[in-house]
N, C-alpha and C. Protein backbone atom coordinates (compact mmCIF):
# COMPACT_ATOMS: atom_id res chain seq x y z
N MET A 1 0.97 -1.22 -0.49
CA MET A 1 0.14 0.17 -0.07
C MET A 1 0.60 1.31 0.21
N LYS A 2 0.59 2.13 -0.57
CA LYS A 2 1.32 3.07 -1.13
C LYS A 2 0.68 4.16 -0.34
N ILE A 3 1.10 5.52 0.74
CA ILE A 3 1.47 6.02 1.48
C ILE A 3 1.94 7.45 1.43
N PHE A 4 0.00 8.45 1.22
CA PHE A 4 0.76 9.71 0.81
C PHE A 4 0.69 10.66 1.86
N GLN A 5 1.28 11.61 1.41
CA GLN A 5 1.45 12.57 3.16
C GLN A 5 1.26 14.05 2.41
N LEU A 6 0.27 14.93 3.61
CA LEU A 6 0.88 16.20 3.00
C LEU A 6 0.46 17.31 4.12
N LYS A 7 1.24 18.08 4.86
CA LYS A 7 1.15 18.83 5.58
C LYS A 7 1.67 20.22 5.01
N SER A 8 0.92 20.98 5.93
CA SER A 8 0.24 22.34 5.72
C SER A 8 0.38 22.73 6.87
N LYS A 9 0.52 23.85 6.78
CA LYS A 9 1.04 25.35 8.66
C LYS A 9 -0.41 26.34 7.35
N GLN A 10 -0.46 26.89 8.80
CA GLN A 10 -0.98 28.29 8.40
C GLN A 10 -1.36 28.99 10.18
N LEU A 11 -0.82 29.99 9.78
CA LEU A 11 -0.45 31.56 11.02
C LEU A 11 -1.95 32.07 11.21
N LEU A 12 -2.52 31.47 11.97
CA LEU A 12 -3.43 32.43 12.42
C LEU A 12 -3.67 33.59 13.74
N ASN A 13 -3.64 34.95 13.16
CA ASN A 13 -4.29 35.75 14.51
C ASN A 13 -5.17 36.00 15.40
N ILE A 14 -5.20 34.95 16.18
CA ILE A 14 -5.92 35.07 16.85
C ILE A 14 -6.29 34.13 18.55
N SER A 15 -6.54 34.47 18.82
CA SER A 15 -5.97 33.55 20.64
C SER A 15 -6.01 32.24 19.96
N LEU A 16 -5.46 31.36 20.95
CA LEU A 16 -5.07 29.99 21.19
C LEU A 16 -6.62 29.46 21.44
N GLU A 17 -7.15 30.29 22.44
CA GLU A 17 -8.92 30.28 22.96
C GLU A 17 -10.18 29.75 21.74
N GLU A 18 -9.55 31.42 20.91
CA GLU A 18 -10.19 31.03 19.72
C GLU A 18 -10.38 30.55 18.94
N SER A 19 -9.20 30.34 18.46
CA SER A 19 -8.27 28.43 17.51
C SER A 19 -9.17 27.32 17.79
N TRP A 20 -9.12 26.92 19.63
CA TRP A 20 -8.82 25.73 19.39
C TRP A 20 -11.02 26.04 19.39
N ASP A 21 -11.69 26.98 20.10
CA ASP A 21 -12.61 26.82 20.07
C ASP A 21 -13.49 26.69 18.15
N PHE A 22 -13.14 27.25 17.43
CA PHE A 22 -13.50 27.08 16.21
C PHE A 22 -13.57 25.77 15.30
N PHE A 23 -11.69 25.20 15.78
CA PHE A 23 -11.75 23.96 15.31
C PHE A 23 -12.07 23.09 15.49
N SER A 24 -12.48 23.09 16.72
CA SER A 24 -12.77 21.88 17.88
C SER A 24 -14.47 21.69 17.32
N ASN A 25 -14.75 22.25 16.72
CA ASN A 25 -16.67 22.64 16.43
C ASN A 25 -16.74 21.20 15.48
N PRO A 26 -17.06 20.41 15.69
CA PRO A 26 -17.07 19.89 14.27
C PRO A 26 -18.64 20.82 13.15
N ARG A 27 -18.93 21.07 13.52
CA ARG A 27 -19.77 21.73 13.36
C ARG A 27 -19.28 22.99 12.30
N ASN A 28 -18.05 23.22 12.32
CA ASN A 28 -17.76 24.28 11.46
C ASN A 28 -16.68 23.78 10.80
N LEU A 29 -16.37 22.66 10.01
CA LEU A 29 -16.35 21.82 8.98
C LEU A 29 -16.58 22.44 7.76
N PRO A 30 -17.88 22.31 7.60
CA PRO A 30 -18.19 22.98 6.30
C PRO A 30 -17.76 24.05 5.89
N LYS A 31 -18.42 24.65 6.74
CA LYS A 31 -17.43 26.48 6.77
C LYS A 31 -16.47 26.76 6.01
N ILE A 32 -15.40 25.28 6.04
CA ILE A 32 -13.66 25.39 5.74
C ILE A 32 -13.49 24.63 4.36
N THR A 33 -14.39 24.18 3.81
CA THR A 33 -14.27 22.88 2.83
C THR A 33 -14.71 23.52 1.84
N PRO A 34 -13.96 23.52 0.60
CA PRO A 34 -14.65 23.67 -0.94
C PRO A 34 -16.04 23.24 -1.07
N PRO A 35 -16.65 24.51 -1.86
CA PRO A 35 -17.92 24.02 -1.78
C PRO A 35 -17.90 22.70 -3.03
N TRP A 36 -17.24 22.41 -4.03
CA TRP A 36 -16.69 21.10 -4.69
C TRP A 36 -17.27 20.19 -4.20
N LEU A 37 -17.05 19.71 -2.90
CA LEU A 37 -17.05 18.91 -2.16
C LEU A 37 -18.74 18.49 -1.29
N LYS A 38 -18.86 19.62 -1.23
CA LYS A 38 -20.56 19.76 -1.18
C LYS A 38 -21.09 18.85 0.40
N LEU A 39 -19.45 18.99 1.52
CA LEU A 39 -19.43 18.29 2.98
C LEU A 39 -21.32 19.09 3.92
N LYS A 40 -21.91 17.69 3.81
CA LYS A 40 -22.56 17.66 4.81
C LYS A 40 -22.47 16.71 6.30
N VAL A 41 -22.59 17.73 7.35
CA VAL A 41 -22.03 16.66 8.36
C VAL A 41 -23.85 16.04 9.11
N THR A 42 -23.80 14.74 8.76
CA THR A 42 -25.38 13.47 9.24
C THR A 42 -25.84 13.42 10.02
N SER A 43 -24.83 13.30 11.05
CA SER A 43 -24.73 12.72 12.58
C SER A 43 -24.77 14.21 13.42
N ASP A 44 -25.85 13.84 14.35
CA ASP A 44 -25.88 14.82 15.20
C ASP A 44 -25.04 14.85 16.43
N VAL A 45 -24.20 16.46 16.19
CA VAL A 45 -22.90 16.45 16.65
C VAL A 45 -22.67 17.82 17.99
N PRO A 46 -21.78 17.85 18.86
CA PRO A 46 -21.95 18.62 20.10
C PRO A 46 -21.02 19.52 19.56
N ASP A 47 -21.29 20.61 20.09
CA ASP A 47 -20.76 22.07 19.77
C ASP A 47 -19.22 21.84 20.43
N LYS A 48 -18.81 20.44 20.97
CA LYS A 48 -16.96 20.51 21.26
C LYS A 48 -16.87 18.80 20.81
N MET A 49 -15.88 18.12 20.06
CA MET A 49 -15.20 16.81 19.79
C MET A 49 -14.92 16.03 21.25
N TYR A 50 -14.58 14.81 20.95
CA TYR A 50 -13.95 14.62 22.64
C TYR A 50 -13.17 13.33 21.65
N ALA A 51 -12.39 12.56 22.42
CA ALA A 51 -12.24 11.35 21.75
C ALA A 51 -12.58 9.79 21.89
N GLY A 52 -12.98 9.60 20.78
CA GLY A 52 -14.34 8.68 20.54
C GLY A 52 -15.14 9.07 19.97
N MET A 53 -15.44 9.92 20.01
CA MET A 53 -16.82 10.35 19.23
C MET A 53 -16.64 10.62 17.74
N ILE A 54 -18.00 10.13 17.05
CA ILE A 54 -17.84 9.22 16.08
C ILE A 54 -19.13 10.51 15.03
N ILE A 55 -18.23 11.30 13.98
CA ILE A 55 -18.64 11.75 12.60
C ILE A 55 -18.96 11.31 11.52
N THR A 56 -20.14 11.24 11.02
CA THR A 56 -20.97 10.97 9.84
C THR A 56 -21.11 12.02 8.69
N TYR A 57 -20.43 12.21 7.74
CA TYR A 57 -20.80 13.01 5.93
C TYR A 57 -21.09 12.49 5.25
N LYS A 58 -21.72 13.07 4.74
CA LYS A 58 -21.96 12.83 3.04
C LYS A 58 -20.79 13.79 2.42
N VAL A 59 -20.54 13.54 1.46
CA VAL A 59 -19.58 13.89 0.62
C VAL A 59 -19.48 13.48 -1.46
N TYR A 60 -19.19 14.74 -1.52
CA TYR A 60 -18.42 14.33 -3.35
C TYR A 60 -17.47 14.55 -3.40
N PRO A 61 -16.74 13.51 -2.87
CA PRO A 61 -14.93 13.43 -3.81
C PRO A 61 -13.88 13.43 -4.89
N PHE A 62 -14.95 12.61 -5.58
CA PHE A 62 -14.57 12.62 -7.41
C PHE A 62 -15.25 12.31 -7.79
N LEU A 63 -15.57 13.05 -9.23
CA LEU A 63 -16.84 12.89 -10.22
C LEU A 63 -18.29 13.14 -9.62
N SER A 64 -18.38 13.72 -9.08
CA SER A 64 -19.87 14.40 -8.38
C SER A 64 -20.32 12.94 -7.79
N ILE A 65 -19.67 11.96 -7.60
CA ILE A 65 -19.87 10.94 -6.96
C ILE A 65 -20.42 10.57 -5.25
N PRO A 66 -21.75 10.45 -4.61
CA PRO A 66 -22.05 10.44 -3.14
C PRO A 66 -21.09 9.67 -2.55
N SER A 67 -20.47 9.85 -1.08
CA SER A 67 -19.78 9.07 -0.97
C SER A 67 -20.49 9.13 0.72
N ASN A 68 -20.66 7.95 1.73
CA ASN A 68 -20.15 8.59 2.95
C ASN A 68 -19.47 8.19 3.81
N TRP A 69 -19.23 9.05 4.53
CA TRP A 69 -17.66 9.15 5.27
C TRP A 69 -17.84 9.11 6.60
N VAL A 70 -17.74 8.26 7.31
CA VAL A 70 -17.28 8.04 8.99
C VAL A 70 -15.83 8.55 9.65
N THR A 71 -16.10 9.14 10.33
CA THR A 71 -14.55 9.27 10.77
C THR A 71 -14.26 9.33 12.32
N GLU A 72 -13.74 9.35 13.12
CA GLU A 72 -13.90 9.03 14.57
C GLU A 72 -12.42 9.35 14.87
N ILE A 73 -13.52 10.24 16.31
CA ILE A 73 -11.82 11.75 16.85
C ILE A 73 -10.97 10.65 17.20
N THR A 74 -9.86 9.96 16.89
CA THR A 74 -9.40 9.39 18.63
C THR A 74 -8.70 9.86 18.68
N GLN A 75 -8.19 11.12 19.86
CA GLN A 75 -7.17 11.43 20.20
C GLN A 75 -7.47 13.01 20.24
N VAL A 76 -7.92 13.97 21.45
CA VAL A 76 -7.76 15.61 21.96
C VAL A 76 -6.91 15.69 23.23
N LYS A 77 -5.54 16.35 22.61
CA LYS A 77 -5.77 17.28 24.16
C LYS A 77 -5.70 18.74 23.83
N GLU A 78 -6.22 18.69 24.49
CA GLU A 78 -7.28 20.11 24.60
C GLU A 78 -5.77 21.16 24.28
N LYS A 79 -6.33 22.75 23.14
CA LYS A 79 -5.86 23.98 22.69
C LYS A 79 -4.72 22.90 22.62
N GLN A 80 -4.20 22.03 21.87
CA GLN A 80 -2.89 21.13 21.19
C GLN A 80 -2.78 20.74 20.28
N PHE A 81 -4.16 19.52 20.20
CA PHE A 81 -4.24 18.65 19.04
C PHE A 81 -5.30 17.80 19.16
N PHE A 82 -5.57 17.46 18.02
CA PHE A 82 -6.81 16.35 18.18
C PHE A 82 -6.42 15.92 17.38
N ILE A 83 -6.77 14.17 16.50
CA ILE A 83 -6.78 13.37 15.58
C ILE A 83 -8.01 12.66 15.26
N ASP A 84 -8.65 13.02 13.33
CA ASP A 84 -8.75 11.71 12.90
C ASP A 84 -9.27 11.00 12.11
N GLU A 85 -9.24 9.69 12.17
CA GLU A 85 -9.71 9.06 11.72
C GLU A 85 -10.43 8.16 10.82
N GLN A 86 -10.27 7.84 9.66
CA GLN A 86 -11.76 7.82 9.00
C GLN A 86 -11.84 6.22 9.52
N ARG A 87 -13.44 6.19 9.41
CA ARG A 87 -13.41 4.52 9.99
C ARG A 87 -13.86 3.63 8.15
N PHE A 88 -14.60 4.18 7.41
CA PHE A 88 -15.15 4.34 5.93
C PHE A 88 -15.12 5.46 5.60
N GLY A 89 -14.70 5.01 4.34
CA GLY A 89 -15.44 6.36 3.43
C GLY A 89 -14.70 6.17 1.39
N PRO A 90 -14.38 7.36 1.12
CA PRO A 90 -13.32 7.08 -0.42
C PRO A 90 -11.90 6.82 -0.18
N TYR A 91 -11.35 6.67 1.08
CA TYR A 91 -10.10 6.68 1.12
C TYR A 91 -9.91 4.47 1.98
N LYS A 92 -8.97 4.56 1.80
CA LYS A 92 -8.34 3.43 1.93
C LYS A 92 -7.98 3.13 3.76
N PHE A 93 -7.31 4.58 3.66
CA PHE A 93 -6.33 5.32 5.05
C PHE A 93 -6.34 6.45 5.40
N TRP A 94 -6.96 7.43 6.10
CA TRP A 94 -6.98 8.46 6.71
C TRP A 94 -6.35 8.76 7.74
N HIS A 95 -5.25 9.61 8.01
CA HIS A 95 -5.44 9.71 9.30
C HIS A 95 -4.46 11.12 9.38
N HIS A 96 -5.60 12.30 10.39
CA HIS A 96 -5.79 13.99 10.13
C HIS A 96 -5.15 14.21 11.51
N GLN A 97 -3.29 14.36 11.62
CA GLN A 97 -3.23 16.09 12.54
C GLN A 97 -4.41 16.35 12.51
N HIS A 98 -4.22 17.48 13.73
CA HIS A 98 -4.06 19.22 14.06
C HIS A 98 -3.60 19.16 15.55
N HIS A 99 -2.53 20.28 14.75
CA HIS A 99 -2.03 20.73 16.13
C HIS A 99 -1.82 22.87 16.19
N PHE A 100 -1.68 22.78 17.24
CA PHE A 100 -1.63 24.34 17.84
C PHE A 100 -0.66 24.58 18.59
N LYS A 101 -0.69 25.30 18.16
CA LYS A 101 1.12 26.01 18.96
C LYS A 101 1.04 27.34 18.97
N GLU A 102 1.49 27.57 20.03
CA GLU A 102 1.34 29.33 20.42
C GLU A 102 2.42 30.29 19.80
N ILE A 103 2.61 30.56 19.25
CA ILE A 103 3.84 31.95 18.90
C ILE A 103 3.45 33.33 18.99
N ASP A 104 5.12 34.14 19.18
CA ASP A 104 5.22 34.95 18.94
C ASP A 104 3.73 35.89 18.34
N GLU A 105 4.16 35.61 17.04
CA GLU A 105 3.01 36.06 15.86
C GLU A 105 1.75 35.55 16.33
N GLY A 106 1.59 34.51 16.65
CA GLY A 106 0.12 34.45 16.91
C GLY A 106 0.04 32.72 16.93
N ILE A 107 -1.45 32.03 16.36
CA ILE A 107 -0.81 30.71 16.61
C ILE A 107 -0.46 29.56 15.27
N GLU A 108 -0.05 28.79 15.26
CA GLU A 108 0.54 28.36 14.19
C GLU A 108 0.25 27.48 14.57
N MET A 109 -0.99 26.67 13.19
CA MET A 109 -1.55 25.53 13.39
C MET A 109 -1.01 24.71 11.65
N ASP A 110 -0.77 23.57 12.01
CA ASP A 110 -0.06 22.31 11.31
C ASP A 110 -1.21 21.24 11.29
N ASP A 111 -1.14 20.98 9.06
CA ASP A 111 -2.02 19.70 8.96
C ASP A 111 -1.27 19.20 9.04
N ILE A 112 -1.54 17.68 9.26
CA ILE A 112 -0.90 17.05 8.63
C ILE A 112 -1.49 15.54 7.96
N VAL A 113 -1.73 15.34 6.96
CA VAL A 113 -2.99 14.11 6.73
C VAL A 113 -2.13 13.68 5.84
N THR A 114 -2.00 12.21 6.77
CA THR A 114 -1.63 10.98 5.95
C THR A 114 -2.34 9.93 5.05
N TYR A 115 -2.54 9.43 3.84
CA TYR A 115 -3.66 9.02 3.29
C TYR A 115 -2.59 7.68 2.31
N ALA A 116 -4.17 6.70 2.88
CA ALA A 116 -4.03 5.47 0.88
C ALA A 116 -4.89 5.39 0.26
N LEU A 117 -5.03 5.12 -0.67
CA LEU A 117 -5.99 4.60 -1.76
C LEU A 117 -6.44 3.36 -1.80
N PRO A 118 -7.57 3.08 -2.22
CA PRO A 118 -8.18 2.09 -1.91
C PRO A 118 -7.49 1.20 -4.00
N PHE A 119 -7.18 0.13 -4.23
CA PHE A 119 -7.12 -0.25 -5.46
C PHE A 119 -5.84 -0.69 -5.45
N ASP A 120 -4.90 0.08 -4.29
CA ASP A 120 -3.87 -0.18 -4.38
C ASP A 120 -2.67 -1.58 -5.52
N PRO A 121 -1.85 -1.07 -6.38
CA PRO A 121 -1.60 -0.54 -7.29
C PRO A 121 -2.24 0.13 -7.98
N ILE A 122 -3.47 -0.19 -8.34
CA ILE A 122 -3.82 0.27 -9.82
C ILE A 122 -4.52 2.20 -9.53
N SER A 123 -4.72 2.45 -8.77
CA SER A 123 -4.41 3.34 -8.21
C SER A 123 -4.31 4.58 -8.05
N ARG A 124 -3.09 4.24 -7.82
CA ARG A 124 -1.46 5.61 -8.00
C ARG A 124 -1.75 5.89 -8.44
N PRO A 125 -1.87 5.85 -10.40
CA PRO A 125 -1.39 7.74 -11.07
C PRO A 125 -2.84 7.69 -10.72
N VAL A 126 -3.87 7.86 -10.48
CA VAL A 126 -5.34 8.86 -10.48
C VAL A 126 -5.13 8.95 -8.94
N SER A 127 -3.36 9.00 -8.11
CA SER A 127 -3.52 9.29 -6.72
C SER A 127 -2.35 10.65 -7.63
N SER A 128 -1.38 9.89 -8.04
CA SER A 128 0.04 11.06 -8.85
C SER A 128 -1.17 12.29 -9.87
N LEU A 129 -2.34 11.63 -10.37
CA LEU A 129 -2.68 12.79 -11.40
C LEU A 129 -4.33 13.74 -11.08
N VAL A 130 -4.45 13.39 -9.39
CA VAL A 130 -6.10 13.74 -9.22
C VAL A 130 -5.69 13.98 -8.38
N VAL A 131 -5.69 12.63 -7.26
CA VAL A 131 -6.39 13.06 -5.50
C VAL A 131 -4.88 13.63 -5.12
N ASP A 132 -3.47 13.55 -4.96
CA ASP A 132 -3.48 14.23 -4.98
C ASP A 132 -3.62 16.17 -4.82
N LYS A 133 -3.49 16.07 -5.92
CA LYS A 133 -3.30 17.77 -6.49
C LYS A 133 -5.35 17.73 -5.47
N LYS A 134 -6.36 17.28 -5.94
CA LYS A 134 -7.41 17.40 -4.66
C LYS A 134 -7.46 18.09 -3.42
N VAL A 135 -6.12 16.88 -2.56
CA VAL A 135 -6.31 17.12 -1.30
C VAL A 135 -5.41 18.54 -1.48
N LYS A 136 -4.30 19.00 -1.80
CA LYS A 136 -3.35 19.91 -1.82
C LYS A 136 -3.96 21.42 -1.95
N GLU A 137 -5.36 21.21 -3.23
CA GLU A 137 -6.72 21.58 -3.09
C GLU A 137 -7.54 22.06 -2.12
N ILE A 138 -7.64 21.20 -1.39
CA ILE A 138 -9.04 21.87 -0.71
C ILE A 138 -7.87 22.09 1.06
N PHE A 139 -6.78 22.01 1.12
CA PHE A 139 -6.18 22.84 2.44
C PHE A 139 -5.61 24.29 1.20
N ASN A 140 -5.59 24.82 0.41
CA ASN A 140 -5.90 25.75 0.09
C ASN A 140 -6.78 26.88 0.32
N TYR A 141 -7.46 25.89 -0.48
CA TYR A 141 -9.36 26.45 0.08
C TYR A 141 -9.54 27.31 1.12
N ARG A 142 -8.61 25.76 2.01
CA ARG A 142 -9.08 25.90 2.93
C ARG A 142 -7.99 27.51 3.77
N GLU A 143 -7.30 27.77 3.93
CA GLU A 143 -6.08 28.61 4.29
C GLU A 143 -6.59 29.98 3.87
N VAL A 144 -7.37 30.53 3.20
CA VAL A 144 -7.61 30.74 1.66
C VAL A 144 -9.41 31.84 2.99
N VAL A 145 -9.77 30.93 2.78
CA VAL A 145 -11.70 31.67 3.78
C VAL A 145 -11.83 31.07 5.65
N ILE A 146 -10.18 30.59 5.77
CA ILE A 146 -9.33 30.55 7.57
C ILE A 146 -9.06 31.84 7.45
N LYS A 147 -8.22 32.76 6.70
CA LYS A 147 -7.68 33.84 6.89
C LYS A 147 -8.54 34.93 7.30
N LYS A 148 -9.79 34.99 5.64
CA LYS A 148 -11.24 35.87 5.88
C LYS A 148 -12.02 35.31 6.91
N MET A 149 -11.79 34.68 7.69
CA MET A 149 -13.57 33.96 8.76
C MET A 149 -12.88 34.50 9.85
N LEU A 150 -11.48 34.60 10.56
CA LEU A 150 -10.73 33.94 11.93
C LEU A 150 -10.20 35.51 11.60
N ASN A 151 -8.76 35.91 11.09
CA ASN A 151 -8.12 36.70 11.61
C ASN A 151 -8.17 38.31 11.69
N LYS A 152 -7.76 38.43 12.49
CA LYS A 152 -8.60 39.43 13.17
C LYS A 152 -7.89 40.74 12.32
């Protein structure tokens, strides 16, 4: 199985408390997701995530074909990091780390996404031609939207 990884870093000009409150609320995910994914949270979720929490979504990741996506929040360390992992969905493997760190300029937010596609090795050309670009596009979109929404 071929493993792919994307790392993203963004500076937030808000407090650690504000950063954590926004990103640890699963209801905010659709606000920072590109419209072409049509992401919709389909489970009833609280305002704050917790370890062991299961979140279900409807998403359209490839060729506008709908997919149900189930993730579990596997780890949470308040105001430092949380990790979500796909349990069922379009990827063979999905592990997403979200890290928050106070620095002199504000809050440094780091994302580390590690993923694999189904049908490996047949899917490798699809990954390099389409999926890798789409994952990068999602994070580029998030960076722009987050700057507009959260930075003061």
